[in-house]
Amino acid sequence: MVLNSPFTTWEGNDVHGRRPVVTGVGVRLDRLFARPPGATRRVIASGLDLTGEARGRLHGRFPGVEGDWLGVVDYEIGYADGRRDKLYLVDQLVPFHVLRKR
């Protein structure tokens, strides 16, 4: 299933099929999941690693009421202990200021 917003860009045609244009992005996890100033830090080795940048796929967009844009993004977050499994997040609304075009 594909999220169809009025602002989704499509490629293809009705004969051969239409698909949303997907743009590779980096999701800046440090900015998306910013910690409050002065918050106590406690490391949980099996927790999600919310630092750095995760690879994502932007496939839709929506404007906010105050003019800020939100991207519809699929991305993965790894675990701090380095395991191969990742948490795969689908159709997440993410503010454009945390995205970087890849």
PDB file of N, CA and C in Angstrom:
ATOM      1  N   MET A   1       0.841  -1.181   0.000  1.00  0.00           N
ATOM      2  CA  MET A   1       0.000   0.000   0.000  1.00  0.00           C
ATOM      3  C   MET A   1       0.885   1.242   0.000  1.00  0.00           C
ATOM      4  N   VAL A   2       0.517   2.222  -0.780  1.00  0.00           N
ATOM      5  CA  VAL A   2       1.282   3.456  -0.902  1.00  0.00           C
ATOM      6  C   VAL A   2       0.449   4.603  -0.368  1.00  0.00           C
ATOM      7  N   LEU A   3       1.079   5.423   0.463  1.00  0.00           N
ATOM      8  CA  LEU A   3       0.411   6.611   0.969  1.00  0.00           C
ATOM      9  C   LEU A   3       0.286   7.608  -0.166  1.00  0.00           C
ATOM     10  N   ASN A   4      -0.926   8.013  -0.482  1.00  0.00           N
ATOM     11  CA  ASN A   4      -1.179   8.936  -1.584  1.00  0.00           C
ATOM     12  C   ASN A   4      -1.625  10.273  -1.009  1.00  0.00           C
ATOM     13  N   SER A   5      -0.682  11.220  -0.987  1.00  0.00           N
ATOM     14  CA  SER A   5      -1.024  12.558  -0.522  1.00  0.00           C
ATOM     15  C   SER A   5      -1.205  13.457  -1.725  1.00  0.00           C
ATOM     16  N   PRO A   6      -1.868  14.603  -1.564  1.00  0.00           N
ATOM     17  CA  PRO A   6      -1.987  15.533  -2.687  1.00  0.00           C
ATOM     18  C   PRO A   6      -0.627  16.061  -3.141  1.00  0.00           C
ATOM     19  N   PHE A   7       0.409  15.870  -2.313  1.00  0.00           N
ATOM     20  CA  PHE A   7       1.737  16.397  -2.621  1.00  0.00           C
ATOM     21  C   PHE A   7       2.721  15.303  -3.015  1.00  0.00           C
ATOM     22  N   THR A   8       2.239  14.073  -3.220  1.00  0.00           N
ATOM     23  CA  THR A   8       3.100  12.982  -3.667  1.00  0.00           C
ATOM     24  C   THR A   8       3.400  13.170  -5.148  1.00  0.00           C
ATOM     25  N   THR A   9       4.655  13.018  -5.518  1.00  0.00           N
ATOM     26  CA  THR A   9       5.068  13.101  -6.913  1.00  0.00           C
ATOM     27  C   THR A   9       5.056  11.689  -7.481  1.00  0.00           C
ATOM     28  N   TRP A  10       4.463  11.536  -8.663  1.00  0.00           N
ATOM     29  CA  TRP A  10       4.318  10.216  -9.284  1.00  0.00           C
ATOM     30  C   TRP A  10       5.123  10.129 -10.563  1.00  0.00           C
ATOM     31  N   GLU A  11       5.563   8.914 -10.902  1.00  0.00           N
ATOM     32  CA  GLU A  11       6.211   8.661 -12.185  1.00  0.00           C
ATOM     33  C   GLU A  11       5.494   7.497 -12.850  1.00  0.00           C
ATOM     34  N   GLY A  12       5.711   7.329 -14.144  1.00  0.00           N
ATOM     35  CA  GLY A  12       5.034   6.274 -14.893  1.00  0.00           C
ATOM     36  C   GLY A  12       3.738   6.793 -15.482  1.00  0.00           C
ATOM     37  N   ASN A  13       2.883   5.845 -15.909  1.00  0.00           N
ATOM     38  CA  ASN A  13       1.610   6.231 -16.510  1.00  0.00           C
ATOM     39  C   ASN A  13       0.564   5.163 -16.208  1.00  0.00           C
ATOM     40  N   ASP A  14      -0.659   5.403 -16.656  1.00  0.00           N
ATOM     41  CA  ASP A  14      -1.749   4.480 -16.365  1.00  0.00           C
ATOM     42  C   ASP A  14      -1.602   3.150 -17.110  1.00  0.00           C
ATOM     43  N   VAL A  15      -0.885   3.143 -18.222  1.00  0.00           N
ATOM     44  CA  VAL A  15      -0.698   1.908 -18.999  1.00  0.00           C
ATOM     45  C   VAL A  15       0.325   0.995 -18.326  1.00  0.00           C
ATOM     46  N   HIS A  16       1.467   1.555 -17.948  1.00  0.00           N
ATOM     47  CA  HIS A  16       2.560   0.764 -17.393  1.00  0.00           C
ATOM     48  C   HIS A  16       2.599   0.783 -15.870  1.00  0.00           C
ATOM     49  N   GLY A  17       1.727   1.525 -15.264  1.00  0.00           N
ATOM     50  CA  GLY A  17       1.686   1.623 -13.808  1.00  0.00           C
ATOM     51  C   GLY A  17       2.319   2.906 -13.313  1.00  0.00           C
ATOM     52  N   ARG A  18       1.745   3.429 -12.273  1.00  0.00           N
ATOM     53  CA  ARG A  18       2.264   4.635 -11.639  1.00  0.00           C
ATOM     54  C   ARG A  18       2.870   4.252 -10.298  1.00  0.00           C
ATOM     55  N   ARG A  19       3.960   4.900  -9.957  1.00  0.00           N
ATOM     56  CA  ARG A  19       4.587   4.665  -8.667  1.00  0.00           C
ATOM     57  C   ARG A  19       5.068   6.003  -8.102  1.00  0.00           C
ATOM     58  N   PRO A  20       5.073   6.093  -6.796  1.00  0.00           N
ATOM     59  CA  PRO A  20       5.541   7.345  -6.204  1.00  0.00           C
ATOM     60  C   PRO A  20       7.039   7.513  -6.426  1.00  0.00           C
ATOM     61  N   VAL A  21       7.467   8.738  -6.613  1.00  0.00           N
ATOM     62  CA  VAL A  21       8.890   9.035  -6.726  1.00  0.00           C
ATOM     63  C   VAL A  21       9.487   8.897  -5.325  1.00  0.00           C
ATOM     64  N   VAL A  22      10.512   8.091  -5.235  1.00  0.00           N
ATOM     65  CA  VAL A  22      11.178   7.858  -3.954  1.00  0.00           C
ATOM     66  C   VAL A  22      12.535   8.546  -3.985  1.00  0.00           C
ATOM     67  N   THR A  23      12.813   9.333  -2.953  1.00  0.00           N
ATOM     68  CA  THR A  23      14.074  10.059  -2.857  1.00  0.00           C
ATOM     69  C   THR A  23      14.855   9.529  -1.666  1.00  0.00           C
ATOM     70  N   GLY A  24      16.118   9.189  -1.890  1.00  0.00           N
ATOM     71  CA  GLY A  24      16.970   8.758  -0.786  1.00  0.00           C
ATOM     72  C   GLY A  24      17.291   9.938   0.118  1.00  0.00           C
ATOM     73  N   VAL A  25      17.110   9.753   1.413  1.00  0.00           N
ATOM     74  CA  VAL A  25      17.383  10.811   2.382  1.00  0.00           C
ATOM     75  C   VAL A  25      18.144  10.226   3.568  1.00  0.00           C
ATOM     76  N   GLY A  26      18.797  11.110   4.281  1.00  0.00           N
ATOM     77  CA  GLY A  26      19.359  10.772   5.579  1.00  0.00           C
ATOM     78  C   GLY A  26      18.444  11.381   6.629  1.00  0.00           C
ATOM     79  N   VAL A  27      18.119  10.615   7.645  1.00  0.00           N
ATOM     80  CA  VAL A  27      17.288  11.095   8.756  1.00  0.00           C
ATOM     81  C   VAL A  27      18.228  11.375   9.925  1.00  0.00           C
ATOM     82  N   ARG A  28      18.335  12.618  10.310  1.00  0.00           N
ATOM     83  CA  ARG A  28      19.230  13.004  11.406  1.00  0.00           C
ATOM     84  C   ARG A  28      18.550  12.672  12.737  1.00  0.00           C
ATOM     85  N   LEU A  29      18.910  11.517  13.246  1.00  0.00           N
ATOM     86  CA  LEU A  29      18.248  10.999  14.443  1.00  0.00           C
ATOM     87  C   LEU A  29      18.490  11.887  15.664  1.00  0.00           C
ATOM     88  N   ASP A  30      19.679  12.485  15.776  1.00  0.00           N
ATOM     89  CA  ASP A  30      19.973  13.377  16.907  1.00  0.00           C
ATOM     90  C   ASP A  30      19.009  14.559  16.965  1.00  0.00           C
ATOM     91  N   ARG A  31      18.604  15.029  15.800  1.00  0.00           N
ATOM     92  CA  ARG A  31      17.683  16.176  15.750  1.00  0.00           C
ATOM     93  C   ARG A  31      16.234  15.728  15.894  1.00  0.00           C
ATOM     94  N   LEU A  32      15.900  14.573  15.306  1.00  0.00           N
ATOM     95  CA  LEU A  32      14.527  14.071  15.393  1.00  0.00           C
ATOM     96  C   LEU A  32      14.172  13.684  16.823  1.00  0.00           C
ATOM     97  N   PHE A  33      15.125  13.065  17.506  1.00  0.00           N
ATOM     98  CA  PHE A  33      14.902  12.603  18.882  1.00  0.00           C
ATOM     99  C   PHE A  33      15.784  13.383  19.842  1.00  0.00           C
ATOM    100  N   ALA A  34      15.719  14.706  19.759  1.00  0.00           N
ATOM    101  CA  ALA A  34      16.551  15.567  20.612  1.00  0.00           C
ATOM    102  C   ALA A  34      16.207  15.357  22.080  1.00  0.00           C
ATOM    103  N   ARG A  35      17.248  15.259  22.900  1.00  0.00           N
ATOM    104  CA  ARG A  35      17.044  15.100  24.348  1.00  0.00           C
ATOM    105  C   ARG A  35      16.865  16.474  24.987  1.00  0.00           C
ATOM    106  N   PRO A  36      16.029  16.548  25.990  1.00  0.00           N
ATOM    107  CA  PRO A  36      15.858  17.829  26.684  1.00  0.00           C
ATOM    108  C   PRO A  36      17.172  18.258  27.339  1.00  0.00           C
ATOM    109  N   PRO A  37      17.452  19.562  27.357  1.00  0.00           N
ATOM    110  CA  PRO A  37      18.683  20.038  28.008  1.00  0.00           C
ATOM    111  C   PRO A  37      18.729  19.586  29.469  1.00  0.00           C
ATOM    112  N   GLY A  38      19.869  19.075  29.874  1.00  0.00           N
ATOM    113  CA  GLY A  38      20.046  18.665  31.266  1.00  0.00           C
ATOM    114  C   GLY A  38      19.456  17.314  31.614  1.00  0.00           C
ATOM    115  N   ALA A  39      18.909  16.608  30.639  1.00  0.00           N
ATOM    116  CA  ALA A  39      18.307  15.299  30.929  1.00  0.00           C
ATOM    117  C   ALA A  39      19.397  14.313  31.358  1.00  0.00           C
ATOM    118  N   THR A  40      19.093  13.512  32.349  1.00  0.00           N
ATOM    119  CA  THR A  40      20.029  12.500  32.825  1.00  0.00           C
ATOM    120  C   THR A  40      20.207  11.438  31.756  1.00  0.00           C
ATOM    121  N   ARG A  41      21.455  11.060  31.516  1.00  0.00           N
ATOM    122  CA  ARG A  41      21.758  10.048  30.499  1.00  0.00           C
ATOM    123  C   ARG A  41      22.020   8.722  31.192  1.00  0.00           C
ATOM    124  N   ARG A  42      21.318   7.698  30.729  1.00  0.00           N
ATOM    125  CA  ARG A  42      21.510   6.343  31.240  1.00  0.00           C
ATOM    126  C   ARG A  42      21.616   5.431  30.032  1.00  0.00           C
ATOM    127  N   VAL A  43      22.732   4.756  29.870  1.00  0.00           N
ATOM    128  CA  VAL A  43      22.966   3.923  28.704  1.00  0.00           C
ATOM    129  C   VAL A  43      22.326   2.558  28.888  1.00  0.00           C
ATOM    130  N   ILE A  44      21.540   2.150  27.900  1.00  0.00           N
ATOM    131  CA  ILE A  44      20.924   0.828  27.869  1.00  0.00           C
ATOM    132  C   ILE A  44      21.477   0.147  26.629  1.00  0.00           C
ATOM    133  N   ALA A  45      22.366  -0.819  26.822  1.00  0.00           N
ATOM    134  CA  ALA A  45      23.104  -1.438  25.718  1.00  0.00           C
ATOM    135  C   ALA A  45      22.194  -2.054  24.663  1.00  0.00           C
ATOM    136  N   SER A  46      21.041  -2.538  25.046  1.00  0.00           N
ATOM    137  CA  SER A  46      20.133  -3.171  24.080  1.00  0.00           C
ATOM    138  C   SER A  46      19.112  -2.196  23.513  1.00  0.00           C
ATOM    139  N   GLY A  47      19.278  -0.902  23.814  1.00  0.00           N
ATOM    140  CA  GLY A  47      18.335   0.113  23.345  1.00  0.00           C
ATOM    141  C   GLY A  47      18.603   0.531  21.909  1.00  0.00           C
ATOM    142  N   LEU A  48      17.714   1.334  21.372  1.00  0.00           N
ATOM    143  CA  LEU A  48      17.861   1.864  20.014  1.00  0.00           C
ATOM    144  C   LEU A  48      18.943   2.937  19.987  1.00  0.00           C
ATOM    145  N   ASP A  49      19.750   2.946  18.940  1.00  0.00           N
ATOM    146  CA  ASP A  49      20.790   3.946  18.773  1.00  0.00           C
ATOM    147  C   ASP A  49      20.201   5.143  18.036  1.00  0.00           C
ATOM    148  N   LEU A  50      19.873   6.175  18.777  1.00  0.00           N
ATOM    149  CA  LEU A  50      19.219   7.356  18.212  1.00  0.00           C
ATOM    150  C   LEU A  50      20.214   8.474  17.926  1.00  0.00           C
ATOM    151  N   THR A  51      21.446   8.093  17.594  1.00  0.00           N
ATOM    152  CA  THR A  51      22.477   9.063  17.246  1.00  0.00           C
ATOM    153  C   THR A  51      22.796   8.945  15.758  1.00  0.00           C
ATOM    154  N   GLY A  52      23.422   9.961  15.223  1.00  0.00           N
ATOM    155  CA  GLY A  52      23.863   9.901  13.836  1.00  0.00           C
ATOM    156  C   GLY A  52      22.724  10.022  12.835  1.00  0.00           C
ATOM    157  N   GLU A  53      22.933   9.389  11.703  1.00  0.00           N
ATOM    158  CA  GLU A  53      21.989   9.511  10.590  1.00  0.00           C
ATOM    159  C   GLU A  53      21.581   8.130  10.089  1.00  0.00           C
ATOM    160  N   ALA A  54      20.295   7.952   9.858  1.00  0.00           N
ATOM    161  CA  ALA A  54      19.766   6.696   9.324  1.00  0.00           C
ATOM    162  C   ALA A  54      19.403   6.901   7.856  1.00  0.00           C
ATOM    163  N   ARG A  55      19.613   5.870   7.051  1.00  0.00           N
ATOM    164  CA  ARG A  55      19.196   5.934   5.647  1.00  0.00           C
ATOM    165  C   ARG A  55      17.682   5.816   5.574  1.00  0.00           C
ATOM    166  N   GLY A  56      17.084   6.663   4.739  1.00  0.00           N
ATOM    167  CA  GLY A  56      15.640   6.642   4.600  1.00  0.00           C
ATOM    168  C   GLY A  56      15.204   6.814   3.161  1.00  0.00           C
ATOM    169  N   ARG A  57      13.896   6.649   2.961  1.00  0.00           N
ATOM    170  CA  ARG A  57      13.287   6.809   1.633  1.00  0.00           C
ATOM    171  C   ARG A  57      12.075   7.731   1.774  1.00  0.00           C
ATOM    172  N   LEU A  58      12.202   8.919   1.225  1.00  0.00           N
ATOM    173  CA  LEU A  58      11.120   9.909   1.237  1.00  0.00           C
ATOM    174  C   LEU A  58      10.181   9.601   0.084  1.00  0.00           C
ATOM    175  N   HIS A  59       8.881   9.437   0.371  1.00  0.00           N
ATOM    176  CA  HIS A  59       7.943   9.117  -0.707  1.00  0.00           C
ATOM    177  C   HIS A  59       6.633   9.886  -0.618  1.00  0.00           C
ATOM    178  N   GLY A  60       6.607  10.918   0.189  1.00  0.00           N
ATOM    179  CA  GLY A  60       5.418  11.768   0.269  1.00  0.00           C
ATOM    180  C   GLY A  60       5.724  12.990   1.112  1.00  0.00           C
ATOM    181  N   ARG A  61       4.825  13.938   1.079  1.00  0.00           N
ATOM    182  CA  ARG A  61       5.034  15.152   1.872  1.00  0.00           C
ATOM    183  C   ARG A  61       3.684  15.797   2.181  1.00  0.00           C
ATOM    184  N   PHE A  62       3.650  16.486   3.318  1.00  0.00           N
ATOM    185  CA  PHE A  62       2.463  17.231   3.738  1.00  0.00           C
ATOM    186  C   PHE A  62       2.919  18.555   4.335  1.00  0.00           C
ATOM    187  N   PRO A  63       2.166  19.638   4.093  1.00  0.00           N
ATOM    188  CA  PRO A  63       2.487  20.894   4.769  1.00  0.00           C
ATOM    189  C   PRO A  63       1.794  20.945   6.123  1.00  0.00           C
ATOM    190  N   GLY A  64       2.477  21.556   7.090  1.00  0.00           N
ATOM    191  CA  GLY A  64       1.848  21.834   8.374  1.00  0.00           C
ATOM    192  C   GLY A  64       1.103  23.155   8.290  1.00  0.00           C
ATOM    193  N   VAL A  65       0.239  23.412   9.225  1.00  0.00           N
ATOM    194  CA  VAL A  65      -0.586  24.614   9.213  1.00  0.00           C
ATOM    195  C   VAL A  65       0.264  25.891   9.308  1.00  0.00           C
ATOM    196  N   GLU A  66       1.468  25.800   9.909  1.00  0.00           N
ATOM    197  CA  GLU A  66       2.326  26.978  10.051  1.00  0.00           C
ATOM    198  C   GLU A  66       3.377  27.081   8.946  1.00  0.00           C
ATOM    199  N   GLY A  67       3.224  26.268   7.892  1.00  0.00           N
ATOM    200  CA  GLY A  67       4.121  26.367   6.752  1.00  0.00           C
ATOM    201  C   GLY A  67       5.311  25.423   6.779  1.00  0.00           C
ATOM    202  N   ASP A  68       5.478  24.663   7.852  1.00  0.00           N
ATOM    203  CA  ASP A  68       6.564  23.688   7.910  1.00  0.00           C
ATOM    204  C   ASP A  68       6.154  22.442   7.136  1.00  0.00           C
ATOM    205  N   TRP A  69       7.121  21.825   6.449  1.00  0.00           N
ATOM    206  CA  TRP A  69       6.828  20.627   5.673  1.00  0.00           C
ATOM    207  C   TRP A  69       7.226  19.379   6.426  1.00  0.00           C
ATOM    208  N   LEU A  70       6.410  18.349   6.272  1.00  0.00           N
ATOM    209  CA  LEU A  70       6.671  17.038   6.860  1.00  0.00           C
ATOM    210  C   LEU A  70       6.838  16.044   5.726  1.00  0.00           C
ATOM    211  N   GLY A  71       7.861  15.218   5.808  1.00  0.00           N
ATOM    212  CA  GLY A  71       8.066  14.184   4.817  1.00  0.00           C
ATOM    213  C   GLY A  71       7.512  12.865   5.308  1.00  0.00           C
ATOM    214  N   VAL A  72       7.028  12.057   4.392  1.00  0.00           N
ATOM    215  CA  VAL A  72       6.604  10.694   4.706  1.00  0.00           C
ATOM    216  C   VAL A  72       7.800   9.811   4.357  1.00  0.00           C
ATOM    217  N   VAL A  73       8.380   9.180   5.368  1.00  0.00           N
ATOM    218  CA  VAL A  73       9.662   8.509   5.207  1.00  0.00           C
ATOM    219  C   VAL A  73       9.603   7.094   5.791  1.00  0.00           C
ATOM    220  N   ASP A  74      10.247   6.161   5.094  1.00  0.00           N
ATOM    221  CA  ASP A  74      10.524   4.824   5.636  1.00  0.00           C
ATOM    222  C   ASP A  74      12.006   4.847   6.019  1.00  0.00           C
ATOM    223  N   TYR A  75      12.332   4.390   7.229  1.00  0.00           N
ATOM    224  CA  TYR A  75      13.734   4.330   7.622  1.00  0.00           C
ATOM    225  C   TYR A  75      13.938   3.267   8.694  1.00  0.00           C
ATOM    226  N   GLU A  76      15.210   2.944   8.942  1.00  0.00           N
ATOM    227  CA  GLU A  76      15.570   1.919   9.910  1.00  0.00           C
ATOM    228  C   GLU A  76      16.405   2.533  11.021  1.00  0.00           C
ATOM    229  N   ILE A  77      16.205   2.039  12.239  1.00  0.00           N
ATOM    230  CA  ILE A  77      17.023   2.442  13.377  1.00  0.00           C
ATOM    231  C   ILE A  77      17.707   1.191  13.913  1.00  0.00           C
ATOM    232  N   GLY A  78      19.014   1.292  14.107  1.00  0.00           N
ATOM    233  CA  GLY A  78      19.781   0.174  14.644  1.00  0.00           C
ATOM    234  C   GLY A  78      19.759   0.151  16.166  1.00  0.00           C
ATOM    235  N   TYR A  79      20.256  -0.927  16.702  1.00  0.00           N
ATOM    236  CA  TYR A  79      20.358  -1.085  18.154  1.00  0.00           C
ATOM    237  C   TYR A  79      21.775  -0.736  18.606  1.00  0.00           C
ATOM    238  N   ALA A  80      21.909  -0.257  19.819  1.00  0.00           N
ATOM    239  CA  ALA A  80      23.199   0.172  20.353  1.00  0.00           C
ATOM    240  C   ALA A  80      24.183  -0.983  20.488  1.00  0.00           C
ATOM    241  N   ASP A  81      23.688  -2.209  20.654  1.00  0.00           N
ATOM    242  CA  ASP A  81      24.594  -3.346  20.847  1.00  0.00           C
ATOM    243  C   ASP A  81      25.134  -3.904  19.529  1.00  0.00           C
ATOM    244  N   GLY A  82      24.777  -3.284  18.397  1.00  0.00           N
ATOM    245  CA  GLY A  82      25.347  -3.656  17.111  1.00  0.00           C
ATOM    246  C   GLY A  82      24.716  -4.864  16.436  1.00  0.00           C
ATOM    247  N   ARG A  83      23.618  -5.382  16.950  1.00  0.00           N
ATOM    248  CA  ARG A  83      22.983  -6.541  16.308  1.00  0.00           C
ATOM    249  C   ARG A  83      22.547  -6.200  14.891  1.00  0.00           C
ATOM    250  N   ARG A  84      22.397  -7.217  14.070  1.00  0.00           N
ATOM    251  CA  ARG A  84      22.019  -7.002  12.669  1.00  0.00           C
ATOM    252  C   ARG A  84      20.575  -6.548  12.510  1.00  0.00           C
ATOM    253  N   ASP A  85      19.696  -7.021  13.363  1.00  0.00           N
ATOM    254  CA  ASP A  85      18.288  -6.625  13.289  1.00  0.00           C
ATOM    255  C   ASP A  85      18.158  -5.122  13.481  1.00  0.00           C
ATOM    256  N   LYS A  86      17.192  -4.551  12.785  1.00  0.00           N
ATOM    257  CA  LYS A  86      16.910  -3.123  12.927  1.00  0.00           C
ATOM    258  C   LYS A  86      15.408  -2.942  13.087  1.00  0.00           C
ATOM    259  N   LEU A  87      15.033  -1.833  13.654  1.00  0.00           N
ATOM    260  CA  LEU A  87      13.630  -1.465  13.740  1.00  0.00           C
ATOM    261  C   LEU A  87      13.285  -0.746  12.447  1.00  0.00           C
ATOM    262  N   TYR A  88      12.363  -1.298  11.652  1.00  0.00           N
ATOM    263  CA  TYR A  88      11.993  -0.719  10.365  1.00  0.00           C
ATOM    264  C   TYR A  88      10.708   0.081  10.542  1.00  0.00           C
ATOM    265  N   LEU A  89      10.788   1.373  10.297  1.00  0.00           N
ATOM    266  CA  LEU A  89       9.661   2.285  10.471  1.00  0.00           C
ATOM    267  C   LEU A  89       9.123   2.679   9.106  1.00  0.00           C
ATOM    268  N   VAL A  90       7.808   2.555   8.926  1.00  0.00           N
ATOM    269  CA  VAL A  90       7.159   2.781   7.636  1.00  0.00           C
ATOM    270  C   VAL A  90       6.195   3.962   7.743  1.00  0.00           C
ATOM    271  N   ASP A  91       6.181   4.798   6.689  1.00  0.00           N
ATOM    272  CA  ASP A  91       5.240   5.924   6.587  1.00  0.00           C
ATOM    273  C   ASP A  91       5.264   6.836   7.816  1.00  0.00           C
ATOM    274  N   GLN A  92       6.456   7.209   8.242  1.00  0.00           N
ATOM    275  CA  GLN A  92       6.606   8.084   9.396  1.00  0.00           C
ATOM    276  C   GLN A  92       6.602   9.538   8.947  1.00  0.00           C
ATOM    277  N   LEU A  93       5.849  10.392   9.638  1.00  0.00           N
ATOM    278  CA  LEU A  93       5.887  11.831   9.369  1.00  0.00           C
ATOM    279  C   LEU A  93       7.105  12.405  10.078  1.00  0.00           C
ATOM    280  N   VAL A  94       7.998  13.003   9.293  1.00  0.00           N
ATOM    281  CA  VAL A  94       9.260  13.509   9.814  1.00  0.00           C
ATOM    282  C   VAL A  94       9.430  14.951   9.328  1.00  0.00           C
ATOM    283  N   PRO A  95       9.766  15.882  10.228  1.00  0.00           N
ATOM    284  CA  PRO A  95       9.967  17.262   9.791  1.00  0.00           C
ATOM    285  C   PRO A  95      11.109  17.361   8.781  1.00  0.00           C
ATOM    286  N   PHE A  96      10.940  18.175   7.752  1.00  0.00           N
ATOM    287  CA  PHE A  96      11.961  18.303   6.719  1.00  0.00           C
ATOM    288  C   PHE A  96      13.307  18.774   7.286  1.00  0.00           C
ATOM    289  N   HIS A  97      13.309  19.507   8.394  1.00  0.00           N
ATOM    290  CA  HIS A  97      14.586  20.031   8.908  1.00  0.00           C
ATOM    291  C   HIS A  97      15.492  18.931   9.451  1.00  0.00           C
ATOM    292  N   VAL A  98      14.994  17.707   9.608  1.00  0.00           N
ATOM    293  CA  VAL A  98      15.849  16.598  10.057  1.00  0.00           C
ATOM    294  C   VAL A  98      16.256  15.697   8.888  1.00  0.00           C
ATOM    295  N   LEU A  99      15.852  16.061   7.660  1.00  0.00           N
ATOM    296  CA  LEU A  99      16.170  15.255   6.495  1.00  0.00           C
ATOM    297  C   LEU A  99      17.301  15.895   5.684  1.00  0.00           C
ATOM    298  N   ARG A 100      18.086  15.033   5.069  1.00  0.00           N
ATOM    299  CA  ARG A 100      19.147  15.484   4.173  1.00  0.00           C
ATOM    300  C   ARG A 100      19.077  14.609   2.921  1.00  0.00           C
ATOM    301  N   LYS A 101      19.042  15.249   1.752  1.00  0.00           N
ATOM    302  CA  LYS A 101      18.982  14.492   0.501  1.00  0.00           C
ATOM    303  C   LYS A 101      20.275  13.718   0.317  1.00  0.00           C
ATOM    304  N   ARG A 102      20.148  12.450  -0.075  1.00  0.00           N
ATOM    305  CA  ARG A 102      21.335  11.598  -0.303  1.00  0.00           C
ATOM    306  C   ARG A 102      21.644  11.548  -1.778  1.00  0.00           C
TER     307      ARG A 102
END
